[in-house]
Amino acid sequence: MYLLKIFIQILIVGLFLYSKLLPNQAKLNPKYRSIFDFFNSIFFTHIQFPKNIHKTFFN
């Protein structure tokens, strides 16, 4: 249970950083770019999924 709380807290911090760094992703140095790419791979699929459903049902 304790590890689950830590994992959720890391995801919350990652989502915050992802939202702040998304407009500036081209300017990131390689060290931070790899961290951003990791969180991008996690959050991008979850953010794009509702958009795809919205397009299929309302077009």
N, C-alpha and C. Protein backbone atom coordinates (compact mmCIF):
# COMPACT_ATOMS: atom_id res chain seq x y z
N MET A 1 0.82 -1.20 0.00
CA MET A 1 0.00 0.00 0.00
C MET A 1 0.87 1.26 0.00
N TYR A 2 1.97 1.18 0.73
CA TYR A 2 2.87 2.32 0.83
C TYR A 2 3.51 2.63 -0.52
N LEU A 3 3.88 1.58 -1.26
CA LEU A 3 4.49 1.78 -2.57
C LEU A 3 3.49 2.36 -3.57
N LEU A 4 2.24 2.00 -3.44
CA LEU A 4 1.21 2.54 -4.32
C LEU A 4 1.06 4.04 -4.10
N LYS A 5 1.10 4.49 -2.87
CA LYS A 5 1.01 5.92 -2.58
C LYS A 5 2.20 6.68 -3.16
N ILE A 6 3.38 6.11 -3.05
CA ILE A 6 4.57 6.75 -3.61
C ILE A 6 4.46 6.81 -5.13
N PHE A 7 4.00 5.73 -5.76
CA PHE A 7 3.85 5.70 -7.21
C PHE A 7 2.84 6.75 -7.67
N ILE A 8 1.74 6.90 -6.97
CA ILE A 8 0.73 7.90 -7.33
C ILE A 8 1.29 9.31 -7.17
N GLN A 9 2.07 9.54 -6.13
CA GLN A 9 2.67 10.86 -5.93
C GLN A 9 3.67 11.18 -7.04
N ILE A 10 4.43 10.19 -7.47
CA ILE A 10 5.36 10.41 -8.58
C ILE A 10 4.60 10.74 -9.85
N LEU A 11 3.48 10.06 -10.10
CA LEU A 11 2.68 10.35 -11.28
C LEU A 11 2.07 11.75 -11.23
N ILE A 12 1.67 12.20 -10.06
CA ILE A 12 1.12 13.55 -9.92
C ILE A 12 2.19 14.60 -10.22
N VAL A 13 3.38 14.42 -9.66
CA VAL A 13 4.48 15.35 -9.92
C VAL A 13 4.86 15.30 -11.39
N GLY A 14 4.88 14.10 -11.96
CA GLY A 14 5.20 13.96 -13.38
C GLY A 14 4.18 14.64 -14.26
N LEU A 15 2.90 14.55 -13.91
CA LEU A 15 1.86 15.22 -14.69
C LEU A 15 2.01 16.74 -14.61
N PHE A 16 2.36 17.25 -13.45
CA PHE A 16 2.60 18.68 -13.30
C PHE A 16 3.77 19.13 -14.18
N LEU A 17 4.88 18.39 -14.09
CA LEU A 17 6.05 18.75 -14.90
C LEU A 17 5.76 18.59 -16.39
N TYR A 18 5.01 17.56 -16.74
CA TYR A 18 4.64 17.35 -18.14
C TYR A 18 3.85 18.53 -18.68
N SER A 19 2.90 19.03 -17.89
CA SER A 19 2.08 20.15 -18.36
C SER A 19 2.90 21.44 -18.48
N LYS A 20 3.90 21.60 -17.64
CA LYS A 20 4.74 22.80 -17.69
C LYS A 20 5.79 22.73 -18.79
N LEU A 21 6.29 21.54 -19.08
CA LEU A 21 7.37 21.40 -20.05
C LEU A 21 6.90 21.11 -21.46
N LEU A 22 5.65 20.79 -21.64
CA LEU A 22 5.15 20.44 -22.97
C LEU A 22 5.35 21.56 -23.99
N PRO A 23 5.07 22.83 -23.67
CA PRO A 23 5.31 23.88 -24.67
C PRO A 23 6.80 24.10 -24.99
N ASN A 24 7.69 23.69 -24.09
CA ASN A 24 9.12 23.95 -24.26
C ASN A 24 9.91 22.68 -24.52
N GLN A 25 9.30 21.64 -25.05
CA GLN A 25 10.00 20.37 -25.17
C GLN A 25 11.16 20.41 -26.15
N ALA A 26 11.15 21.30 -27.12
CA ALA A 26 12.25 21.38 -28.08
C ALA A 26 13.50 22.00 -27.46
N LYS A 27 13.35 22.73 -26.39
CA LYS A 27 14.47 23.43 -25.76
C LYS A 27 15.13 22.64 -24.63
N LEU A 28 14.65 21.45 -24.34
CA LEU A 28 15.18 20.67 -23.22
C LEU A 28 16.54 20.08 -23.56
N ASN A 29 17.42 20.04 -22.56
CA ASN A 29 18.70 19.38 -22.78
C ASN A 29 18.49 17.86 -22.70
N PRO A 30 19.45 17.07 -23.14
CA PRO A 30 19.25 15.61 -23.24
C PRO A 30 18.89 14.93 -21.91
N LYS A 31 19.43 15.42 -20.80
CA LYS A 31 19.14 14.80 -19.51
C LYS A 31 17.65 14.93 -19.18
N TYR A 32 17.12 16.12 -19.31
CA TYR A 32 15.72 16.34 -18.99
C TYR A 32 14.80 15.86 -20.11
N ARG A 33 15.33 15.79 -21.31
CA ARG A 33 14.54 15.29 -22.44
C ARG A 33 14.17 13.82 -22.24
N SER A 34 15.08 13.03 -21.69
CA SER A 34 14.79 11.61 -21.47
C SER A 34 13.72 11.44 -20.39
N ILE A 35 13.76 12.26 -19.36
CA ILE A 35 12.74 12.21 -18.32
C ILE A 35 11.39 12.65 -18.89
N PHE A 36 11.41 13.70 -19.69
CA PHE A 36 10.18 14.17 -20.32
C PHE A 36 9.61 13.12 -21.27
N ASP A 37 10.46 12.46 -22.02
CA ASP A 37 9.98 11.41 -22.94
C ASP A 37 9.36 10.24 -22.18
N PHE A 38 9.90 9.91 -21.01
CA PHE A 38 9.32 8.85 -20.20
C PHE A 38 7.91 9.20 -19.78
N PHE A 39 7.72 10.39 -19.23
CA PHE A 39 6.38 10.80 -18.81
C PHE A 39 5.47 11.05 -20.01
N ASN A 40 6.02 11.47 -21.11
CA ASN A 40 5.24 11.66 -22.32
C ASN A 40 4.67 10.33 -22.80
N SER A 41 5.47 9.27 -22.72
CA SER A 41 4.98 7.96 -23.14
C SER A 41 3.86 7.47 -22.23
N ILE A 42 3.89 7.84 -20.97
CA ILE A 42 2.82 7.43 -20.04
C ILE A 42 1.57 8.27 -20.26
N PHE A 43 1.71 9.59 -20.28
CA PHE A 43 0.55 10.47 -20.28
C PHE A 43 -0.06 10.68 -21.66
N PHE A 44 0.73 10.59 -22.71
CA PHE A 44 0.21 10.88 -24.05
C PHE A 44 -0.91 9.92 -24.45
N THR A 45 -0.73 8.64 -24.14
CA THR A 45 -1.77 7.67 -24.51
C THR A 45 -3.05 7.91 -23.73
N HIS A 46 -2.92 8.29 -22.47
CA HIS A 46 -4.11 8.52 -21.65
C HIS A 46 -4.79 9.85 -21.99
N ILE A 47 -4.04 10.80 -22.51
CA ILE A 47 -4.64 12.07 -22.90
C ILE A 47 -5.28 11.96 -24.28
N GLN A 48 -4.66 11.22 -25.18
CA GLN A 48 -5.18 11.08 -26.53
C GLN A 48 -6.41 10.17 -26.60
N PHE A 49 -6.53 9.20 -25.71
CA PHE A 49 -7.63 8.24 -25.77
C PHE A 49 -9.00 8.91 -25.69
N PRO A 50 -9.27 9.82 -24.75
CA PRO A 50 -10.58 10.48 -24.75
C PRO A 50 -10.82 11.35 -25.98
N LYS A 51 -9.77 11.93 -26.52
CA LYS A 51 -9.93 12.76 -27.73
C LYS A 51 -10.36 11.89 -28.90
N ASN A 52 -9.79 10.69 -29.00
CA ASN A 52 -10.16 9.78 -30.09
C ASN A 52 -11.60 9.30 -29.95
N ILE A 53 -12.03 9.03 -28.75
CA ILE A 53 -13.42 8.61 -28.53
C ILE A 53 -14.36 9.76 -28.87
N HIS A 54 -14.00 10.96 -28.47
CA HIS A 54 -14.82 12.12 -28.74
C HIS A 54 -15.00 12.31 -30.24
N LYS A 55 -13.95 12.13 -31.02
CA LYS A 55 -14.03 12.30 -32.46
C LYS A 55 -14.90 11.23 -33.10
N THR A 56 -14.83 10.01 -32.62
CA THR A 56 -15.59 8.94 -33.26
C THR A 56 -17.09 9.05 -32.98
N PHE A 57 -17.45 9.49 -31.79
CA PHE A 57 -18.87 9.56 -31.45
C PHE A 57 -19.54 10.84 -31.91
N PHE A 58 -18.80 11.91 -32.07
CA PHE A 58 -19.43 13.19 -32.37
C PHE A 58 -19.12 13.72 -33.77
N ASN A 59 -18.58 12.91 -34.64
CA ASN A 59 -18.35 13.35 -36.03
C ASN A 59 -19.46 12.94 -36.91
